[in-house]
Amino acid sequence: PDLNGYEKFGLGNVKYNISRIHVTAVEFPSASISLIPGTGIKLVIGNASLTFDMNWNIRTWMFKDSGRSTVYISKVFVTAIFSTPLDNMGHTSISLTSCRTTSGDIDIKLHGKS
């Protein structure tokens, strides 16, 4: 979905809109799944990366600009725990119990009219 809103900055508000977000690459060089007895499943993803493109525009009382942007997020680490209880009918269900995510580097390239 598109992101839009405004932020107070300095002497006025900055109105922004981010649209047409498109994921262009996802890499999971290190991923593992293990069983946790009596609990469920543990998923660990290490050193992942994500690249996406988007359109952006900003407007203030003084100027406006718009363009395209490429965002590269690297050194992403995720640890998630899923519980796998049985329901009343004996079917297994799955739900996210905990999730921890960190990222190391974010590189943003803005291409605008100004």
C-alpha atoms as a PDB file:
ATOM      1  CA  PRO A   1       0.000   0.000   0.000  1.00  0.00           C
ATOM      2  CA  ASP A   2       0.986   3.617  -0.482  1.00  0.00           C
ATOM      3  CA  LEU A   3       2.358   5.600   2.473  1.00  0.00           C
ATOM      4  CA  ASN A   4       1.444   9.238   2.964  1.00  0.00           C
ATOM      5  CA  GLY A   5       1.267  11.808   5.708  1.00  0.00           C
ATOM      6  CA  TYR A   6       3.083  14.811   7.076  1.00  0.00           C
ATOM      7  CA  GLU A   7       5.795  15.569   9.596  1.00  0.00           C
ATOM      8  CA  LYS A   8       6.587  18.790  11.431  1.00  0.00           C
ATOM      9  CA  PHE A   9      10.048  19.883  10.416  1.00  0.00           C
ATOM     10  CA  GLY A  10      11.713  23.206  11.164  1.00  0.00           C
ATOM     11  CA  LEU A  11       9.407  26.080  10.232  1.00  0.00           C
ATOM     12  CA  GLY A  12       6.589  24.033   8.748  1.00  0.00           C
ATOM     13  CA  ASN A  13       5.107  20.740   7.744  1.00  0.00           C
ATOM     14  CA  VAL A  14       6.529  18.368   5.162  1.00  0.00           C
ATOM     15  CA  LYS A  15       3.829  16.450   3.317  1.00  0.00           C
ATOM     16  CA  TYR A  16       5.019  13.184   1.756  1.00  0.00           C
ATOM     17  CA  ASN A  17       3.674  10.410  -0.417  1.00  0.00           C
ATOM     18  CA  ILE A  18       5.428   7.106  -1.196  1.00  0.00           C
ATOM     19  CA  SER A  19       3.741   5.002  -3.867  1.00  0.00           C
ATOM     20  CA  ARG A  20       4.247   2.105  -6.275  1.00  0.00           C
ATOM     21  CA  ILE A  21       6.478   0.194  -3.873  1.00  0.00           C
ATOM     22  CA  HIS A  22       7.915  -2.766  -5.769  1.00  0.00           C
ATOM     23  CA  VAL A  23      10.190  -5.431  -4.265  1.00  0.00           C
ATOM     24  CA  THR A  24      12.907  -6.217  -6.834  1.00  0.00           C
ATOM     25  CA  ALA A  25      15.135  -8.649  -4.902  1.00  0.00           C
ATOM     26  CA  VAL A  26      15.116 -10.740  -1.719  1.00  0.00           C
ATOM     27  CA  GLU A  27      18.028 -12.917  -0.600  1.00  0.00           C
ATOM     28  CA  PHE A  28      18.158 -15.453   2.249  1.00  0.00           C
ATOM     29  CA  PRO A  29      21.751 -16.760   2.209  1.00  0.00           C
ATOM     30  CA  SER A  30      21.359 -18.386   5.616  1.00  0.00           C
ATOM     31  CA  ALA A  31      18.064 -19.815   6.876  1.00  0.00           C
ATOM     32  CA  SER A  32      17.187 -22.687   9.189  1.00  0.00           C
ATOM     33  CA  ILE A  33      14.090 -24.248  10.707  1.00  0.00           C
ATOM     34  CA  SER A  34      14.185 -26.365  13.846  1.00  0.00           C
ATOM     35  CA  LEU A  35      11.631 -28.029  16.085  1.00  0.00           C
ATOM     36  CA  ILE A  36      11.299 -26.940  19.719  1.00  0.00           C
ATOM     37  CA  PRO A  37       9.852 -29.849  21.717  1.00  0.00           C
ATOM     38  CA  GLY A  38       6.564 -28.939  23.391  1.00  0.00           C
ATOM     39  CA  THR A  39       6.521 -25.488  21.806  1.00  0.00           C
ATOM     40  CA  GLY A  40       6.624 -25.493  18.023  1.00  0.00           C
ATOM     41  CA  ILE A  41       8.963 -24.261  15.325  1.00  0.00           C
ATOM     42  CA  LYS A  42      11.917 -21.868  15.351  1.00  0.00           C
ATOM     43  CA  LEU A  43      12.837 -20.018  12.149  1.00  0.00           C
ATOM     44  CA  VAL A  44      16.201 -18.238  11.927  1.00  0.00           C
ATOM     45  CA  ILE A  45      17.198 -16.111   8.927  1.00  0.00           C
ATOM     46  CA  GLY A  46      20.682 -14.624   8.872  1.00  0.00           C
ATOM     47  CA  ASN A  47      22.320 -11.957   6.725  1.00  0.00           C
ATOM     48  CA  ALA A  48      19.296 -11.474   4.468  1.00  0.00           C
ATOM     49  CA  SER A  49      18.837  -8.520   2.127  1.00  0.00           C
ATOM     50  CA  LEU A  50      15.957  -6.738   0.418  1.00  0.00           C
ATOM     51  CA  THR A  51      15.843  -4.274  -2.478  1.00  0.00           C
ATOM     52  CA  PHE A  52      12.809  -2.272  -3.518  1.00  0.00           C
ATOM     53  CA  ASP A  53      11.933   0.677  -5.757  1.00  0.00           C
ATOM     54  CA  MET A  54       9.294   3.333  -5.159  1.00  0.00           C
ATOM     55  CA  ASN A  55       7.968   6.687  -6.291  1.00  0.00           C
ATOM     56  CA  TRP A  56       8.108   9.570  -3.821  1.00  0.00           C
ATOM     57  CA  ASN A  57       7.058  13.171  -3.578  1.00  0.00           C
ATOM     58  CA  ILE A  58       7.366  15.806  -0.886  1.00  0.00           C
ATOM     59  CA  ARG A  59       5.804  19.223  -0.526  1.00  0.00           C
ATOM     60  CA  THR A  60       6.449  22.086   1.860  1.00  0.00           C
ATOM     61  CA  TRP A  61       5.292  25.690   1.857  1.00  0.00           C
ATOM     62  CA  MET A  62       8.586  26.565   0.153  1.00  0.00           C
ATOM     63  CA  PHE A  63       9.157  23.830  -2.459  1.00  0.00           C
ATOM     64  CA  LYS A  64       8.033  20.505  -3.841  1.00  0.00           C
ATOM     65  CA  ASP A  65       9.922  17.635  -5.448  1.00  0.00           C
ATOM     66  CA  SER A  66       9.281  14.102  -6.636  1.00  0.00           C
ATOM     67  CA  GLY A  67      11.116  11.181  -8.186  1.00  0.00           C
ATOM     68  CA  ARG A  68      12.067   7.522  -7.885  1.00  0.00           C
ATOM     69  CA  SER A  69      14.047   5.835  -5.153  1.00  0.00           C
ATOM     70  CA  THR A  70      15.866   2.538  -4.690  1.00  0.00           C
ATOM     71  CA  VAL A  71      16.255   1.184  -1.152  1.00  0.00           C
ATOM     72  CA  TYR A  72      18.686  -1.620  -0.251  1.00  0.00           C
ATOM     73  CA  ILE A  73      18.460  -3.129   3.238  1.00  0.00           C
ATOM     74  CA  SER A  74      21.196  -5.595   4.208  1.00  0.00           C
ATOM     75  CA  LYS A  75      22.430  -7.552   7.216  1.00  0.00           C
ATOM     76  CA  VAL A  76      18.855  -8.448   8.183  1.00  0.00           C
ATOM     77  CA  PHE A  77      18.492 -11.043  10.933  1.00  0.00           C
ATOM     78  CA  VAL A  78      15.150 -12.606  11.910  1.00  0.00           C
ATOM     79  CA  THR A  79      14.313 -15.069  14.666  1.00  0.00           C
ATOM     80  CA  ALA A  80      10.681 -16.209  14.878  1.00  0.00           C
ATOM     81  CA  ILE A  81       9.002 -18.751  17.138  1.00  0.00           C
ATOM     82  CA  PHE A  82       5.742 -20.352  16.009  1.00  0.00           C
ATOM     83  CA  SER A  83       3.512 -22.378  18.326  1.00  0.00           C
ATOM     84  CA  THR A  84       1.749 -25.388  16.827  1.00  0.00           C
ATOM     85  CA  PRO A  85      -1.104 -26.383  19.143  1.00  0.00           C
ATOM     86  CA  LEU A  86      -3.851 -28.848  18.299  1.00  0.00           C
ATOM     87  CA  ASP A  87      -7.408 -27.528  18.124  1.00  0.00           C
ATOM     88  CA  ASN A  88     -10.492 -29.357  19.541  1.00  0.00           C
ATOM     89  CA  MET A  89     -10.758 -31.458  16.370  1.00  0.00           C
ATOM     90  CA  GLY A  90      -7.115 -32.570  16.535  1.00  0.00           C
ATOM     91  CA  HIS A  91      -5.951 -30.322  13.677  1.00  0.00           C
ATOM     92  CA  THR A  92      -2.658 -28.488  14.007  1.00  0.00           C
ATOM     93  CA  SER A  93      -2.797 -24.711  13.909  1.00  0.00           C
ATOM     94  CA  ILE A  94       0.112 -22.304  13.741  1.00  0.00           C
ATOM     95  CA  SER A  95       0.553 -18.889  15.320  1.00  0.00           C
ATOM     96  CA  LEU A  96       3.449 -16.499  15.740  1.00  0.00           C
ATOM     97  CA  THR A  97       4.583 -16.452  19.385  1.00  0.00           C
ATOM     98  CA  SER A  98       7.578 -14.121  19.097  1.00  0.00           C
ATOM     99  CA  CYS A  99       9.605 -12.370  16.425  1.00  0.00           C
ATOM    100  CA  ARG A 100      12.829 -10.367  16.590  1.00  0.00           C
ATOM    101  CA  THR A 101      14.278  -8.542  13.596  1.00  0.00           C
ATOM    102  CA  THR A 102      17.382  -6.380  13.231  1.00  0.00           C
ATOM    103  CA  SER A 103      18.933  -4.736  10.210  1.00  0.00           C
ATOM    104  CA  GLY A 104      22.477  -3.489   9.777  1.00  0.00           C
ATOM    105  CA  ASP A 105      22.676  -1.223   6.751  1.00  0.00           C
ATOM    106  CA  ILE A 106      20.172   0.805   4.735  1.00  0.00           C
ATOM    107  CA  ASP A 107      21.236   2.468   1.484  1.00  0.00           C
ATOM    108  CA  ILE A 108      18.743   4.899  -0.100  1.00  0.00           C
ATOM    109  CA  LYS A 109      19.287   6.388  -3.551  1.00  0.00           C
ATOM    110  CA  LEU A 110      16.963   9.291  -4.402  1.00  0.00           C
ATOM    111  CA  HIS A 111      16.451  10.348  -8.007  1.00  0.00           C
ATOM    112  CA  GLY A 112      14.483  13.584  -8.176  1.00  0.00           C
ATOM    113  CA  LYS A 113      13.837  16.587 -10.320  1.00  0.00           C
ATOM    114  CA  SER A 114      15.856  18.984  -8.139  1.00  0.00           C
END
